[in-house]
N, C-alpha and C. Protein backbone atom coordinates (compact mmCIF):
# COMPACT_ATOMS: atom_id res chain seq x y z
N MET A 1 -13.59 -27.91 -123.85
CA MET A 1 -13.59 -27.15 -125.10
C MET A 1 -12.61 -27.81 -126.08
N PRO A 2 -13.03 -28.05 -127.33
CA PRO A 2 -12.13 -28.69 -128.30
C PRO A 2 -11.01 -27.74 -128.73
N ARG A 3 -9.94 -28.37 -129.14
CA ARG A 3 -8.78 -27.60 -129.61
C ARG A 3 -9.12 -26.93 -130.93
N SER A 4 -8.79 -25.66 -131.06
CA SER A 4 -9.11 -24.91 -132.27
C SER A 4 -7.89 -24.89 -133.20
N VAL A 5 -8.05 -25.50 -134.37
CA VAL A 5 -6.97 -25.49 -135.37
C VAL A 5 -7.53 -24.98 -136.68
N ASN A 6 -6.72 -24.27 -137.40
CA ASN A 6 -7.17 -23.71 -138.67
C ASN A 6 -6.62 -24.56 -139.81
N SER A 7 -7.04 -25.82 -139.85
CA SER A 7 -6.46 -26.75 -140.82
C SER A 7 -6.83 -26.42 -142.26
N VAL A 8 -7.97 -25.81 -142.47
CA VAL A 8 -8.37 -25.47 -143.84
C VAL A 8 -7.40 -24.46 -144.44
N ALA A 9 -7.10 -23.42 -143.68
CA ALA A 9 -6.17 -22.39 -144.18
C ALA A 9 -4.76 -22.94 -144.30
N ALA A 10 -4.34 -23.77 -143.35
CA ALA A 10 -3.00 -24.35 -143.39
C ALA A 10 -2.84 -25.25 -144.62
N HIS A 11 -3.86 -26.05 -144.90
CA HIS A 11 -3.82 -26.93 -146.07
C HIS A 11 -3.76 -26.11 -147.36
N LYS A 12 -4.54 -25.04 -147.41
CA LYS A 12 -4.55 -24.17 -148.59
C LYS A 12 -3.17 -23.53 -148.81
N ARG A 13 -2.55 -23.09 -147.70
CA ARG A 13 -1.24 -22.46 -147.78
C ARG A 13 -0.20 -23.44 -148.30
N ARG A 14 -0.24 -24.67 -147.79
CA ARG A 14 0.72 -25.69 -148.22
C ARG A 14 0.49 -26.08 -149.68
N LYS A 15 -0.77 -26.16 -150.07
CA LYS A 15 -1.11 -26.50 -151.46
C LYS A 15 -0.58 -25.44 -152.43
N LYS A 16 -0.67 -24.18 -151.98
CA LYS A 16 -0.20 -23.06 -152.81
C LYS A 16 1.31 -23.18 -153.07
N VAL A 17 2.06 -23.54 -152.02
CA VAL A 17 3.51 -23.70 -152.15
C VAL A 17 3.83 -24.87 -153.07
N LEU A 18 3.13 -25.99 -152.87
CA LEU A 18 3.40 -27.19 -153.68
C LEU A 18 3.03 -26.97 -155.15
N LYS A 19 2.04 -26.13 -155.40
CA LYS A 19 1.66 -25.82 -156.78
C LYS A 19 2.78 -25.04 -157.47
N LYS A 20 3.39 -24.10 -156.73
CA LYS A 20 4.51 -23.33 -157.30
C LYS A 20 5.73 -24.19 -157.51
N ALA A 21 5.86 -25.28 -156.71
CA ALA A 21 7.04 -26.16 -156.79
C ALA A 21 6.88 -27.25 -157.84
N LYS A 22 5.81 -27.21 -158.59
CA LYS A 22 5.56 -28.23 -159.61
C LYS A 22 6.71 -28.25 -160.61
N GLY A 23 7.23 -29.43 -160.89
CA GLY A 23 8.32 -29.56 -161.85
C GLY A 23 9.70 -29.54 -161.23
N TYR A 24 9.80 -29.28 -159.93
CA TYR A 24 11.09 -29.31 -159.26
C TYR A 24 11.57 -30.75 -159.14
N TRP A 25 12.86 -30.92 -158.87
CA TRP A 25 13.49 -32.23 -158.83
C TRP A 25 13.46 -32.80 -157.42
N GLY A 26 13.28 -34.11 -157.32
CA GLY A 26 13.36 -34.80 -156.04
C GLY A 26 12.23 -34.43 -155.09
N ARG A 27 12.59 -34.31 -153.80
CA ARG A 27 11.58 -34.00 -152.79
C ARG A 27 11.11 -32.55 -152.87
N GLY A 28 11.78 -31.74 -153.67
CA GLY A 28 11.41 -30.34 -153.80
C GLY A 28 10.03 -30.12 -154.36
N LYS A 29 9.46 -31.16 -154.97
CA LYS A 29 8.13 -30.99 -155.57
C LYS A 29 6.99 -31.51 -154.70
N ASN A 30 7.30 -32.37 -153.68
CA ASN A 30 6.19 -32.96 -152.94
C ASN A 30 6.32 -32.94 -151.42
N VAL A 31 7.44 -32.50 -150.87
CA VAL A 31 7.59 -32.36 -149.42
C VAL A 31 7.54 -30.87 -149.09
N HIS A 32 6.55 -30.49 -148.29
CA HIS A 32 6.30 -29.07 -148.07
C HIS A 32 7.51 -28.32 -147.53
N THR A 33 8.21 -28.88 -146.54
CA THR A 33 9.34 -28.15 -145.93
C THR A 33 10.45 -27.90 -146.94
N VAL A 34 10.70 -28.89 -147.82
CA VAL A 34 11.74 -28.73 -148.84
C VAL A 34 11.25 -27.79 -149.93
N ALA A 35 10.01 -27.98 -150.36
CA ALA A 35 9.43 -27.17 -151.44
C ALA A 35 9.37 -25.70 -151.05
N LYS A 36 9.04 -25.43 -149.78
CA LYS A 36 8.93 -24.05 -149.32
C LYS A 36 10.24 -23.30 -149.52
N ASN A 37 11.36 -23.95 -149.14
CA ASN A 37 12.68 -23.33 -149.29
C ASN A 37 13.02 -23.13 -150.77
N LYS A 38 12.74 -24.14 -151.58
CA LYS A 38 13.06 -24.04 -153.02
C LYS A 38 12.25 -22.96 -153.70
N VAL A 39 10.97 -22.88 -153.36
CA VAL A 39 10.09 -21.86 -153.96
C VAL A 39 10.57 -20.47 -153.54
N GLU A 40 10.91 -20.32 -152.26
CA GLU A 40 11.38 -19.02 -151.76
C GLU A 40 12.64 -18.57 -152.50
N LYS A 41 13.57 -19.51 -152.66
CA LYS A 41 14.81 -19.18 -153.35
C LYS A 41 14.55 -18.88 -154.83
N GLY A 42 13.65 -19.65 -155.43
CA GLY A 42 13.31 -19.43 -156.83
C GLY A 42 12.69 -18.06 -157.05
N MET A 43 11.82 -17.64 -156.10
CA MET A 43 11.19 -16.33 -156.21
C MET A 43 12.24 -15.21 -156.05
N THR A 44 13.23 -15.46 -155.19
CA THR A 44 14.31 -14.48 -155.01
C THR A 44 15.10 -14.32 -156.31
N TYR A 45 15.44 -15.45 -156.94
CA TYR A 45 16.15 -15.41 -158.22
C TYR A 45 15.31 -14.70 -159.29
N ALA A 46 14.01 -14.99 -159.30
CA ALA A 46 13.14 -14.38 -160.30
C ALA A 46 13.12 -12.86 -160.15
N TYR A 47 13.02 -12.39 -158.91
CA TYR A 47 13.00 -10.95 -158.65
C TYR A 47 14.32 -10.32 -159.08
N ARG A 48 15.43 -10.95 -158.68
CA ARG A 48 16.76 -10.42 -159.00
C ARG A 48 16.97 -10.38 -160.51
N ASP A 49 16.58 -11.47 -161.19
CA ASP A 49 16.89 -11.58 -162.61
C ASP A 49 15.98 -10.76 -163.50
N ARG A 50 14.83 -10.33 -162.98
CA ARG A 50 14.03 -9.38 -163.76
C ARG A 50 14.79 -8.07 -163.90
N LYS A 51 15.58 -7.72 -162.90
CA LYS A 51 16.40 -6.51 -162.98
C LYS A 51 17.64 -6.76 -163.85
N ALA A 52 18.26 -7.92 -163.68
CA ALA A 52 19.49 -8.25 -164.42
C ALA A 52 19.22 -8.36 -165.92
N LYS A 53 18.02 -8.81 -166.28
CA LYS A 53 17.64 -8.98 -167.69
C LYS A 53 17.77 -7.65 -168.43
N LYS A 54 17.37 -6.57 -167.79
CA LYS A 54 17.44 -5.25 -168.42
C LYS A 54 18.90 -4.86 -168.68
N ARG A 55 19.78 -5.18 -167.72
CA ARG A 55 21.20 -4.86 -167.88
C ARG A 55 21.82 -5.67 -169.01
N THR A 56 21.51 -6.98 -169.05
CA THR A 56 22.14 -7.82 -170.06
C THR A 56 21.67 -7.45 -171.46
N PHE A 57 20.40 -7.10 -171.61
CA PHE A 57 19.92 -6.71 -172.94
C PHE A 57 20.55 -5.40 -173.38
N ARG A 58 20.70 -4.44 -172.46
CA ARG A 58 21.34 -3.19 -172.83
C ARG A 58 22.78 -3.44 -173.28
N ALA A 59 23.49 -4.32 -172.59
CA ALA A 59 24.87 -4.66 -172.97
C ALA A 59 24.91 -5.29 -174.36
N LEU A 60 23.94 -6.16 -174.66
CA LEU A 60 23.87 -6.80 -175.97
C LEU A 60 23.63 -5.75 -177.06
N TRP A 61 22.70 -4.84 -176.80
CA TRP A 61 22.41 -3.79 -177.78
C TRP A 61 23.65 -2.95 -178.06
N ILE A 62 24.38 -2.61 -177.01
CA ILE A 62 25.59 -1.79 -177.17
C ILE A 62 26.62 -2.53 -178.02
N GLN A 63 26.80 -3.83 -177.79
CA GLN A 63 27.75 -4.61 -178.60
C GLN A 63 27.34 -4.63 -180.07
N ARG A 64 26.06 -4.79 -180.34
CA ARG A 64 25.59 -4.84 -181.73
C ARG A 64 25.75 -3.49 -182.42
N ILE A 65 25.42 -2.42 -181.71
CA ILE A 65 25.57 -1.07 -182.29
C ILE A 65 27.05 -0.79 -182.55
N ASN A 66 27.90 -1.18 -181.60
CA ASN A 66 29.34 -0.97 -181.75
C ASN A 66 29.87 -1.69 -182.98
N ALA A 67 29.45 -2.94 -183.19
CA ALA A 67 29.90 -3.71 -184.36
C ALA A 67 29.44 -3.03 -185.64
N GLY A 68 28.17 -2.58 -185.65
CA GLY A 68 27.66 -1.90 -186.84
C GLY A 68 28.34 -0.57 -187.09
N ALA A 69 28.60 0.18 -186.03
CA ALA A 69 29.24 1.50 -186.18
C ALA A 69 30.67 1.36 -186.69
N ARG A 70 31.37 0.34 -186.22
CA ARG A 70 32.77 0.15 -186.66
C ARG A 70 32.86 -0.21 -188.14
N LEU A 71 31.82 -0.85 -188.68
CA LEU A 71 31.80 -1.12 -190.12
C LEU A 71 31.73 0.18 -190.93
N HIS A 72 31.24 1.26 -190.28
CA HIS A 72 31.13 2.56 -190.95
C HIS A 72 32.15 3.56 -190.41
N GLY A 73 33.23 3.05 -189.82
CA GLY A 73 34.36 3.88 -189.42
C GLY A 73 34.16 4.72 -188.18
N MET A 74 33.29 4.30 -187.28
CA MET A 74 33.08 5.04 -186.03
C MET A 74 33.11 4.07 -184.86
N SER A 75 33.43 4.60 -183.69
CA SER A 75 33.30 3.79 -182.48
C SER A 75 31.88 3.94 -181.96
N TYR A 76 31.53 3.13 -180.98
CA TYR A 76 30.19 3.20 -180.39
C TYR A 76 29.93 4.58 -179.79
N SER A 77 30.91 5.08 -179.02
CA SER A 77 30.68 6.36 -178.33
C SER A 77 30.55 7.52 -179.32
N GLU A 78 31.35 7.49 -180.36
CA GLU A 78 31.23 8.52 -181.42
C GLU A 78 29.84 8.47 -182.05
N PHE A 79 29.46 7.25 -182.43
CA PHE A 79 28.18 7.05 -183.11
C PHE A 79 27.02 7.53 -182.25
N MET A 80 26.98 7.09 -180.99
CA MET A 80 25.87 7.46 -180.11
C MET A 80 25.88 8.96 -179.81
N GLY A 81 27.07 9.54 -179.70
CA GLY A 81 27.16 10.98 -179.50
C GLY A 81 26.54 11.75 -180.65
N LYS A 82 26.83 11.28 -181.87
CA LYS A 82 26.27 11.94 -183.06
C LYS A 82 24.77 11.69 -183.20
N VAL A 83 24.32 10.49 -182.83
CA VAL A 83 22.89 10.17 -182.88
C VAL A 83 22.12 11.11 -181.96
N ILE A 84 22.65 11.32 -180.77
CA ILE A 84 21.99 12.20 -179.80
C ILE A 84 22.05 13.66 -180.27
N ALA A 85 23.21 14.06 -180.81
CA ALA A 85 23.37 15.44 -181.27
C ALA A 85 22.44 15.76 -182.44
N LYS A 86 22.26 14.80 -183.35
CA LYS A 86 21.42 15.03 -184.52
C LYS A 86 19.94 14.76 -184.26
N ASN A 87 19.60 14.42 -183.02
CA ASN A 87 18.20 14.15 -182.62
C ASN A 87 17.55 13.05 -183.46
N VAL A 88 18.30 11.98 -183.69
CA VAL A 88 17.72 10.81 -184.38
C VAL A 88 16.85 10.11 -183.33
N GLY A 89 15.59 9.94 -183.63
CA GLY A 89 14.65 9.42 -182.63
C GLY A 89 14.64 7.91 -182.51
N LEU A 90 15.81 7.29 -182.50
CA LEU A 90 15.88 5.83 -182.37
C LEU A 90 16.64 5.48 -181.09
N ASN A 91 16.09 4.55 -180.34
CA ASN A 91 16.77 4.14 -179.11
C ASN A 91 17.74 2.99 -179.40
N ARG A 92 18.46 2.55 -178.37
CA ARG A 92 19.48 1.52 -178.55
C ARG A 92 18.88 0.20 -179.03
N LYS A 93 17.71 -0.13 -178.54
CA LYS A 93 17.06 -1.39 -178.92
C LYS A 93 16.81 -1.43 -180.43
N VAL A 94 16.27 -0.34 -180.98
CA VAL A 94 15.97 -0.27 -182.41
C VAL A 94 17.25 -0.21 -183.22
N LEU A 95 18.22 0.58 -182.77
CA LEU A 95 19.49 0.67 -183.49
C LEU A 95 20.19 -0.68 -183.55
N ALA A 96 20.15 -1.42 -182.44
CA ALA A 96 20.77 -2.75 -182.40
C ALA A 96 20.08 -3.71 -183.37
N ASP A 97 18.76 -3.63 -183.45
CA ASP A 97 18.02 -4.48 -184.38
C ASP A 97 18.38 -4.14 -185.82
N LEU A 98 18.49 -2.84 -186.10
CA LEU A 98 18.89 -2.42 -187.45
C LEU A 98 20.29 -2.92 -187.78
N ALA A 99 21.21 -2.79 -186.83
CA ALA A 99 22.60 -3.20 -187.06
C ALA A 99 22.70 -4.70 -187.32
N ALA A 100 21.90 -5.48 -186.60
CA ALA A 100 22.00 -6.94 -186.72
C ALA A 100 21.20 -7.48 -187.90
N ASN A 101 19.99 -6.95 -188.14
CA ASN A 101 19.08 -7.57 -189.10
C ASN A 101 18.85 -6.77 -190.38
N HIS A 102 19.11 -5.47 -190.34
CA HIS A 102 18.86 -4.61 -191.51
C HIS A 102 20.07 -3.69 -191.74
N PRO A 103 21.17 -4.25 -192.23
CA PRO A 103 22.39 -3.45 -192.36
C PRO A 103 22.25 -2.24 -193.29
N GLU A 104 21.41 -2.35 -194.34
CA GLU A 104 21.24 -1.21 -195.25
C GLU A 104 20.53 -0.05 -194.55
N ALA A 105 19.58 -0.36 -193.67
CA ALA A 105 18.90 0.69 -192.91
C ALA A 105 19.86 1.33 -191.89
N PHE A 106 20.69 0.48 -191.28
CA PHE A 106 21.68 1.00 -190.32
C PHE A 106 22.69 1.89 -191.04
N LYS A 107 23.03 1.50 -192.27
CA LYS A 107 23.98 2.30 -193.07
C LYS A 107 23.39 3.68 -193.32
N ALA A 108 22.09 3.75 -193.61
CA ALA A 108 21.43 5.02 -193.85
C ALA A 108 21.48 5.90 -192.60
N VAL A 109 21.27 5.28 -191.45
CA VAL A 109 21.36 6.04 -190.18
C VAL A 109 22.78 6.52 -189.97
N ALA A 110 23.77 5.66 -190.23
CA ALA A 110 25.17 6.03 -190.05
C ALA A 110 25.55 7.17 -190.98
N GLU A 111 25.09 7.13 -192.23
CA GLU A 111 25.38 8.21 -193.18
C GLU A 111 24.75 9.52 -192.73
N LYS A 112 23.55 9.42 -192.16
CA LYS A 112 22.85 10.63 -191.72
C LYS A 112 23.57 11.32 -190.56
N VAL A 113 24.14 10.53 -189.66
CA VAL A 113 24.79 11.13 -188.48
C VAL A 113 26.23 11.53 -188.72
N LYS A 114 26.84 11.05 -189.80
CA LYS A 114 28.24 11.41 -190.08
C LYS A 114 28.41 12.89 -190.35
């Protein structure tokens, strides 16, 4: 009886890994054993950083709102407390954009919550 090997599936599996490793440096792009480790680590970083991205953007928005609020004589916590109390329907992302790119609109929001 001949030896049974599933070379078609094995080749497909290896090809899939090498396709994901396209553009890597050195042997990481063309040697399966090296590429497999690099792809695995890259996927781990991608998963982790999709979560971290949300944290870093929120921190950026807070810094921008704080800078804009201080121009109008308030701290970030004061400003956000008043925004929530007055039921202004703008989230941090929009407020940060107003503070950075549309200072006159941010001024109007600041005057409304004062």
